[in-house]
Amino acid sequence: MSSFRYRPSKPAAVLSAVVGVGMLVFGISTFHDEGGSAVGFLVFWCAVVAGIVGLNLWSAFAKNGALGTYEEKPRT
């Protein structure tokens, strides 16, 4: 059984991180004045986008920054 790791190209990962930062700025600027449940959504939005940005930057610059592994199953 063979397996290999995959990750996006460095430009694609950096572009995704830049887009993620833009989404973070959009979320904070749009929802910061809202009250009630919008604050909970803002916290959730920021946490998810920060995770996306972090994962893409890790994938772009870490030596072993693979996002997944493909495994070839033996045929029976």
PDB file of N, CA and C in Angstrom:
ATOM      1  N   MET A   1       0.862  -1.168   0.000  1.00  0.00           N
ATOM      2  CA  MET A   1       0.000   0.000   0.000  1.00  0.00           C
ATOM      3  C   MET A   1       0.909   1.232   0.000  1.00  0.00           C
ATOM      4  N   SER A   2       0.695   2.118  -0.946  1.00  0.00           N
ATOM      5  CA  SER A   2       1.483   3.338  -1.005  1.00  0.00           C
ATOM      6  C   SER A   2       0.631   4.518  -0.553  1.00  0.00           C
ATOM      7  N   SER A   3       1.305   5.530  -0.047  1.00  0.00           N
ATOM      8  CA  SER A   3       0.602   6.745   0.363  1.00  0.00           C
ATOM      9  C   SER A   3       1.496   7.941   0.069  1.00  0.00           C
ATOM     10  N   PHE A   4       0.871   9.069  -0.119  1.00  0.00           N
ATOM     11  CA  PHE A   4       1.625  10.304  -0.291  1.00  0.00           C
ATOM     12  C   PHE A   4       0.831  11.447   0.302  1.00  0.00           C
ATOM     13  N   ARG A   5       1.584  12.481   0.713  1.00  0.00           N
ATOM     14  CA  ARG A   5       0.960  13.652   1.321  1.00  0.00           C
ATOM     15  C   ARG A   5       0.785  14.734   0.265  1.00  0.00           C
ATOM     16  N   TYR A   6      -0.231  15.541   0.427  1.00  0.00           N
ATOM     17  CA  TYR A   6      -0.480  16.614  -0.532  1.00  0.00           C
ATOM     18  C   TYR A   6      -0.698  17.919   0.207  1.00  0.00           C
ATOM     19  N   ARG A   7      -0.416  18.996  -0.467  1.00  0.00           N
ATOM     20  CA  ARG A   7      -0.685  20.329   0.061  1.00  0.00           C
ATOM     21  C   ARG A   7      -0.836  21.277  -1.117  1.00  0.00           C
ATOM     22  N   PRO A   8      -1.477  22.420  -0.887  1.00  0.00           N
ATOM     23  CA  PRO A   8      -1.620  23.379  -1.983  1.00  0.00           C
ATOM     24  C   PRO A   8      -0.266  24.017  -2.295  1.00  0.00           C
ATOM     25  N   SER A   9      -0.154  24.614  -3.454  1.00  0.00           N
ATOM     26  CA  SER A   9       1.075  25.326  -3.786  1.00  0.00           C
ATOM     27  C   SER A   9       1.239  26.516  -2.838  1.00  0.00           C
ATOM     28  N   LYS A  10       2.463  26.988  -2.714  1.00  0.00           N
ATOM     29  CA  LYS A  10       2.725  28.117  -1.823  1.00  0.00           C
ATOM     30  C   LYS A  10       1.926  29.360  -2.229  1.00  0.00           C
ATOM     31  N   PRO A  11       1.875  29.738  -3.514  1.00  0.00           N
ATOM     32  CA  PRO A  11       1.057  30.904  -3.885  1.00  0.00           C
ATOM     33  C   PRO A  11      -0.425  30.729  -3.558  1.00  0.00           C
ATOM     34  N   ALA A  12      -0.955  29.532  -3.759  1.00  0.00           N
ATOM     35  CA  ALA A  12      -2.371  29.301  -3.453  1.00  0.00           C
ATOM     36  C   ALA A  12      -2.626  29.400  -1.950  1.00  0.00           C
ATOM     37  N   ALA A  13      -1.711  28.859  -1.147  1.00  0.00           N
ATOM     38  CA  ALA A  13      -1.886  28.922   0.300  1.00  0.00           C
ATOM     39  C   ALA A  13      -1.765  30.355   0.813  1.00  0.00           C
ATOM     40  N   VAL A  14      -0.822  31.115   0.273  1.00  0.00           N
ATOM     41  CA  VAL A  14      -0.658  32.515   0.691  1.00  0.00           C
ATOM     42  C   VAL A  14      -1.869  33.336   0.253  1.00  0.00           C
ATOM     43  N   LEU A  15      -2.351  33.118  -0.960  1.00  0.00           N
ATOM     44  CA  LEU A  15      -3.546  33.830  -1.420  1.00  0.00           C
ATOM     45  C   LEU A  15      -4.744  33.513  -0.528  1.00  0.00           C
ATOM     46  N   SER A  16      -4.900  32.256  -0.151  1.00  0.00           N
ATOM     47  CA  SER A  16      -5.994  31.876   0.749  1.00  0.00           C
ATOM     48  C   SER A  16      -5.859  32.555   2.095  1.00  0.00           C
ATOM     49  N   ALA A  17      -4.639  32.685   2.592  1.00  0.00           N
ATOM     50  CA  ALA A  17      -4.419  33.367   3.865  1.00  0.00           C
ATOM     51  C   ALA A  17      -4.759  34.854   3.755  1.00  0.00           C
ATOM     52  N   VAL A  18      -4.392  35.483   2.648  1.00  0.00           N
ATOM     53  CA  VAL A  18      -4.708  36.905   2.441  1.00  0.00           C
ATOM     54  C   VAL A  18      -6.220  37.098   2.356  1.00  0.00           C
ATOM     55  N   VAL A  19      -6.895  36.230   1.632  1.00  0.00           N
ATOM     56  CA  VAL A  19      -8.356  36.300   1.555  1.00  0.00           C
ATOM     57  C   VAL A  19      -8.964  36.096   2.941  1.00  0.00           C
ATOM     58  N   GLY A  20      -8.406  35.189   3.712  1.00  0.00           N
ATOM     59  CA  GLY A  20      -8.888  34.958   5.075  1.00  0.00           C
ATOM     60  C   GLY A  20      -8.736  36.188   5.958  1.00  0.00           C
ATOM     61  N   VAL A  21      -7.611  36.885   5.835  1.00  0.00           N
ATOM     62  CA  VAL A  21      -7.429  38.125   6.607  1.00  0.00           C
ATOM     63  C   VAL A  21      -8.467  39.159   6.176  1.00  0.00           C
ATOM     64  N   GLY A  22      -8.749  39.234   4.876  1.00  0.00           N
ATOM     65  CA  GLY A  22      -9.801  40.137   4.405  1.00  0.00           C
ATOM     66  C   GLY A  22     -11.155  39.780   4.984  1.00  0.00           C
ATOM     67  N   MET A  23     -11.439  38.480   5.077  1.00  0.00           N
ATOM     68  CA  MET A  23     -12.705  38.043   5.674  1.00  0.00           C
ATOM     69  C   MET A  23     -12.761  38.394   7.151  1.00  0.00           C
ATOM     70  N   LEU A  24     -11.625  38.288   7.831  1.00  0.00           N
ATOM     71  CA  LEU A  24     -11.572  38.647   9.242  1.00  0.00           C
ATOM     72  C   LEU A  24     -11.849  40.133   9.437  1.00  0.00           C
ATOM     73  N   VAL A  25     -11.234  40.964   8.612  1.00  0.00           N
ATOM     74  CA  VAL A  25     -11.479  42.413   8.677  1.00  0.00           C
ATOM     75  C   VAL A  25     -12.935  42.719   8.368  1.00  0.00           C
ATOM     76  N   PHE A  26     -13.489  42.064   7.350  1.00  0.00           N
ATOM     77  CA  PHE A  26     -14.896  42.272   7.005  1.00  0.00           C
ATOM     78  C   PHE A  26     -15.807  41.889   8.171  1.00  0.00           C
ATOM     79  N   GLY A  27     -15.561  40.740   8.773  1.00  0.00           N
ATOM     80  CA  GLY A  27     -16.408  40.289   9.875  1.00  0.00           C
ATOM     81  C   GLY A  27     -16.357  41.227  11.064  1.00  0.00           C
ATOM     82  N   ILE A  28     -15.156  41.667  11.417  1.00  0.00           N
ATOM     83  CA  ILE A  28     -15.027  42.566  12.571  1.00  0.00           C
ATOM     84  C   ILE A  28     -15.664  43.914  12.269  1.00  0.00           C
ATOM     85  N   SER A  29     -15.440  44.445  11.069  1.00  0.00           N
ATOM     86  CA  SER A  29     -15.996  45.760  10.752  1.00  0.00           C
ATOM     87  C   SER A  29     -17.511  45.715  10.573  1.00  0.00           C
ATOM     88  N   THR A  30     -18.056  44.587  10.171  1.00  0.00           N
ATOM     89  CA  THR A  30     -19.493  44.487   9.944  1.00  0.00           C
ATOM     90  C   THR A  30     -20.263  44.210  11.225  1.00  0.00           C
ATOM     91  N   PHE A  31     -19.756  43.330  12.069  1.00  0.00           N
ATOM     92  CA  PHE A  31     -20.527  42.856  13.214  1.00  0.00           C
ATOM     93  C   PHE A  31     -20.125  43.468  14.550  1.00  0.00           C
ATOM     94  N   HIS A  32     -19.153  44.369  14.598  1.00  0.00           N
ATOM     95  CA  HIS A  32     -18.693  44.858  15.899  1.00  0.00           C
ATOM     96  C   HIS A  32     -19.712  45.744  16.609  1.00  0.00           C
ATOM     97  N   ASP A  33     -20.603  46.386  15.883  1.00  0.00           N
ATOM     98  CA  ASP A  33     -21.594  47.263  16.505  1.00  0.00           C
ATOM     99  C   ASP A  33     -22.899  46.554  16.841  1.00  0.00           C
ATOM    100  N   GLU A  34     -23.068  45.346  16.367  1.00  0.00           N
ATOM    101  CA  GLU A  34     -24.305  44.607  16.613  1.00  0.00           C
ATOM    102  C   GLU A  34     -24.300  44.066  18.045  1.00  0.00           C
ATOM    103  N   GLY A  35     -25.454  43.848  18.569  1.00  0.00           N
ATOM    104  CA  GLY A  35     -25.565  43.293  19.915  1.00  0.00           C
ATOM    105  C   GLY A  35     -26.202  41.922  19.877  1.00  0.00           C
ATOM    106  N   GLY A  36     -26.381  41.341  21.026  1.00  0.00           N
ATOM    107  CA  GLY A  36     -27.085  40.070  21.138  1.00  0.00           C
ATOM    108  C   GLY A  36     -26.339  38.917  20.518  1.00  0.00           C
ATOM    109  N   SER A  37     -27.038  38.157  19.675  1.00  0.00           N
ATOM    110  CA  SER A  37     -26.458  36.945  19.101  1.00  0.00           C
ATOM    111  C   SER A  37     -25.386  37.249  18.061  1.00  0.00           C
ATOM    112  N   ALA A  38     -25.319  38.478  17.555  1.00  0.00           N
ATOM    113  CA  ALA A  38     -24.299  38.821  16.566  1.00  0.00           C
ATOM    114  C   ALA A  38     -22.904  38.749  17.177  1.00  0.00           C
ATOM    115  N   VAL A  39     -22.787  38.998  18.479  1.00  0.00           N
ATOM    116  CA  VAL A  39     -21.484  38.907  19.132  1.00  0.00           C
ATOM    117  C   VAL A  39     -21.001  37.459  19.135  1.00  0.00           C
ATOM    118  N   GLY A  40     -21.896  36.534  19.407  1.00  0.00           N
ATOM    119  CA  GLY A  40     -21.535  35.122  19.367  1.00  0.00           C
ATOM    120  C   GLY A  40     -21.119  34.695  17.970  1.00  0.00           C
ATOM    121  N   PHE A  41     -21.840  35.167  16.971  1.00  0.00           N
ATOM    122  CA  PHE A  41     -21.477  34.858  15.601  1.00  0.00           C
ATOM    123  C   PHE A  41     -20.130  35.466  15.241  1.00  0.00           C
ATOM    124  N   LEU A  42     -19.845  36.683  15.706  1.00  0.00           N
ATOM    125  CA  LEU A  42     -18.573  37.333  15.442  1.00  0.00           C
ATOM    126  C   LEU A  42     -17.418  36.530  16.029  1.00  0.00           C
ATOM    127  N   VAL A  43     -17.583  36.040  17.243  1.00  0.00           N
ATOM    128  CA  VAL A  43     -16.540  35.228  17.867  1.00  0.00           C
ATOM    129  C   VAL A  43     -16.335  33.944  17.069  1.00  0.00           C
ATOM    130  N   PHE A  44     -17.421  33.297  16.679  1.00  0.00           N
ATOM    131  CA  PHE A  44     -17.332  32.078  15.873  1.00  0.00           C
ATOM    132  C   PHE A  44     -16.658  32.372  14.537  1.00  0.00           C
ATOM    133  N   TRP A  45     -17.070  33.431  13.855  1.00  0.00           N
ATOM    134  CA  TRP A  45     -16.516  33.834  12.565  1.00  0.00           C
ATOM    135  C   TRP A  45     -15.007  34.047  12.690  1.00  0.00           C
ATOM    136  N   CYS A  46     -14.597  34.812  13.694  1.00  0.00           N
ATOM    137  CA  CYS A  46     -13.174  35.105  13.869  1.00  0.00           C
ATOM    138  C   CYS A  46     -12.371  33.850  14.170  1.00  0.00           C
ATOM    139  N   ALA A  47     -12.900  32.944  14.973  1.00  0.00           N
ATOM    140  CA  ALA A  47     -12.190  31.713  15.305  1.00  0.00           C
ATOM    141  C   ALA A  47     -12.008  30.831  14.074  1.00  0.00           C
ATOM    142  N   VAL A  48     -13.064  30.693  13.276  1.00  0.00           N
ATOM    143  CA  VAL A  48     -12.980  29.856  12.072  1.00  0.00           C
ATOM    144  C   VAL A  48     -12.007  30.461  11.070  1.00  0.00           C
ATOM    145  N   VAL A  49     -12.113  31.760  10.828  1.00  0.00           N
ATOM    146  CA  VAL A  49     -11.241  32.399   9.850  1.00  0.00           C
ATOM    147  C   VAL A  49      -9.789  32.391  10.332  1.00  0.00           C
ATOM    148  N   ALA A  50      -9.552  32.599  11.618  1.00  0.00           N
ATOM    149  CA  ALA A  50      -8.185  32.527  12.145  1.00  0.00           C
ATOM    150  C   ALA A  50      -7.615  31.120  11.960  1.00  0.00           C
ATOM    151  N   GLY A  51      -8.436  30.100  12.138  1.00  0.00           N
ATOM    152  CA  GLY A  51      -7.992  28.729  11.893  1.00  0.00           C
ATOM    153  C   GLY A  51      -7.653  28.497  10.438  1.00  0.00           C
ATOM    154  N   ILE A  52      -8.458  29.018   9.538  1.00  0.00           N
ATOM    155  CA  ILE A  52      -8.201  28.874   8.104  1.00  0.00           C
ATOM    156  C   ILE A  52      -6.898  29.576   7.724  1.00  0.00           C
ATOM    157  N   VAL A  53      -6.701  30.793   8.217  1.00  0.00           N
ATOM    158  CA  VAL A  53      -5.482  31.537   7.920  1.00  0.00           C
ATOM    159  C   VAL A  53      -4.267  30.798   8.472  1.00  0.00           C
ATOM    160  N   GLY A  54      -4.360  30.339   9.706  1.00  0.00           N
ATOM    161  CA  GLY A  54      -3.248  29.620  10.310  1.00  0.00           C
ATOM    162  C   GLY A  54      -2.900  28.344   9.561  1.00  0.00           C
ATOM    163  N   LEU A  55      -3.895  27.580   9.169  1.00  0.00           N
ATOM    164  CA  LEU A  55      -3.673  26.338   8.438  1.00  0.00           C
ATOM    165  C   LEU A  55      -3.020  26.604   7.082  1.00  0.00           C
ATOM    166  N   ASN A  56      -3.475  27.634   6.389  1.00  0.00           N
ATOM    167  CA  ASN A  56      -2.886  27.956   5.090  1.00  0.00           C
ATOM    168  C   ASN A  56      -1.458  28.476   5.219  1.00  0.00           C
ATOM    169  N   LEU A  57      -1.176  29.294   6.228  1.00  0.00           N
ATOM    170  CA  LEU A  57       0.195  29.765   6.426  1.00  0.00           C
ATOM    171  C   LEU A  57       1.109  28.612   6.822  1.00  0.00           C
ATOM    172  N   TRP A  58       0.620  27.699   7.650  1.00  0.00           N
ATOM    173  CA  TRP A  58       1.399  26.522   8.019  1.00  0.00           C
ATOM    174  C   TRP A  58       1.690  25.680   6.786  1.00  0.00           C
ATOM    175  N   SER A  59       0.696  25.497   5.954  1.00  0.00           N
ATOM    176  CA  SER A  59       0.874  24.706   4.742  1.00  0.00           C
ATOM    177  C   SER A  59       1.859  25.373   3.791  1.00  0.00           C
ATOM    178  N   ALA A  60       1.851  26.691   3.740  1.00  0.00           N
ATOM    179  CA  ALA A  60       2.719  27.403   2.810  1.00  0.00           C
ATOM    180  C   ALA A  60       4.176  27.405   3.249  1.00  0.00           C
ATOM    181  N   PHE A  61       4.428  27.520   4.552  1.00  0.00           N
ATOM    182  CA  PHE A  61       5.794  27.773   5.005  1.00  0.00           C
ATOM    183  C   PHE A  61       6.428  26.663   5.829  1.00  0.00           C
ATOM    184  N   ALA A  62       5.679  25.693   6.292  1.00  0.00           N
ATOM    185  CA  ALA A  62       6.264  24.606   7.073  1.00  0.00           C
ATOM    186  C   ALA A  62       6.839  23.548   6.132  1.00  0.00           C
ATOM    187  N   LYS A  63       7.917  22.916   6.564  1.00  0.00           N
ATOM    188  CA  LYS A  63       8.542  21.886   5.741  1.00  0.00           C
ATOM    189  C   LYS A  63       7.597  20.701   5.544  1.00  0.00           C
ATOM    190  N   ASN A  64       6.882  20.315   6.566  1.00  0.00           N
ATOM    191  CA  ASN A  64       5.938  19.201   6.495  1.00  0.00           C
ATOM    192  C   ASN A  64       4.502  19.691   6.574  1.00  0.00           C
ATOM    193  N   GLY A  65       4.195  20.784   5.916  1.00  0.00           N
ATOM    194  CA  GLY A  65       2.871  21.394   6.018  1.00  0.00           C
ATOM    195  C   GLY A  65       1.845  20.782   5.084  1.00  0.00           C
ATOM    196  N   ALA A  66       1.684  19.484   5.153  1.00  0.00           N
ATOM    197  CA  ALA A  66       0.723  18.814   4.286  1.00  0.00           C
ATOM    198  C   ALA A  66      -0.669  18.872   4.897  1.00  0.00           C
ATOM    199  N   LEU A  67      -1.675  19.020   4.050  1.00  0.00           N
ATOM    200  CA  LEU A  67      -3.052  19.098   4.520  1.00  0.00           C
ATOM    201  C   LEU A  67      -3.747  17.747   4.544  1.00  0.00           C
ATOM    202  N   GLY A  68      -3.140  16.751   3.968  1.00  0.00           N
ATOM    203  CA  GLY A  68      -3.788  15.446   3.970  1.00  0.00           C
ATOM    204  C   GLY A  68      -2.884  14.379   3.398  1.00  0.00           C
ATOM    205  N   THR A  69      -3.370  13.156   3.444  1.00  0.00           N
ATOM    206  CA  THR A  69      -2.619  12.018   2.937  1.00  0.00           C
ATOM    207  C   THR A  69      -3.542  11.160   2.086  1.00  0.00           C
ATOM    208  N   TYR A  70      -3.077  10.812   0.917  1.00  0.00           N
ATOM    209  CA  TYR A  70      -3.784   9.849   0.075  1.00  0.00           C
ATOM    210  C   TYR A  70      -3.150   8.482   0.300  1.00  0.00           C
ATOM    211  N   GLU A  71      -3.973   7.488   0.442  1.00  0.00           N
ATOM    212  CA  GLU A  71      -3.488   6.111   0.567  1.00  0.00           C
ATOM    213  C   GLU A  71      -4.136   5.254  -0.510  1.00  0.00           C
ATOM    214  N   GLU A  72      -3.301   4.494  -1.183  1.00  0.00           N
ATOM    215  CA  GLU A  72      -3.800   3.606  -2.202  1.00  0.00           C
ATOM    216  C   GLU A  72      -4.056   2.253  -1.562  1.00  0.00           C
ATOM    217  N   LYS A  73      -5.278   1.809  -1.616  1.00  0.00           N
ATOM    218  CA  LYS A  73      -5.663   0.529  -1.034  1.00  0.00           C
ATOM    219  C   LYS A  73      -5.331  -0.597  -2.021  1.00  0.00           C
ATOM    220  N   PRO A  74      -4.852  -1.710  -1.515  1.00  0.00           N
ATOM    221  CA  PRO A  74      -4.591  -2.828  -2.412  1.00  0.00           C
ATOM    222  C   PRO A  74      -5.892  -3.377  -3.007  1.00  0.00           C
ATOM    223  N   ARG A  75      -5.836  -3.778  -4.235  1.00  0.00           N
ATOM    224  CA  ARG A  75      -7.022  -4.328  -4.884  1.00  0.00           C
ATOM    225  C   ARG A  75      -7.196  -5.777  -4.462  1.00  0.00           C
ATOM    226  N   THR A  76      -8.435  -6.127  -4.217  1.00  0.00           N
ATOM    227  CA  THR A  76      -8.705  -7.512  -3.797  1.00  0.00           C
ATOM    228  C   THR A  76      -9.399  -8.283  -4.875  1.00  0.00           C
TER     229      THR A  76
END
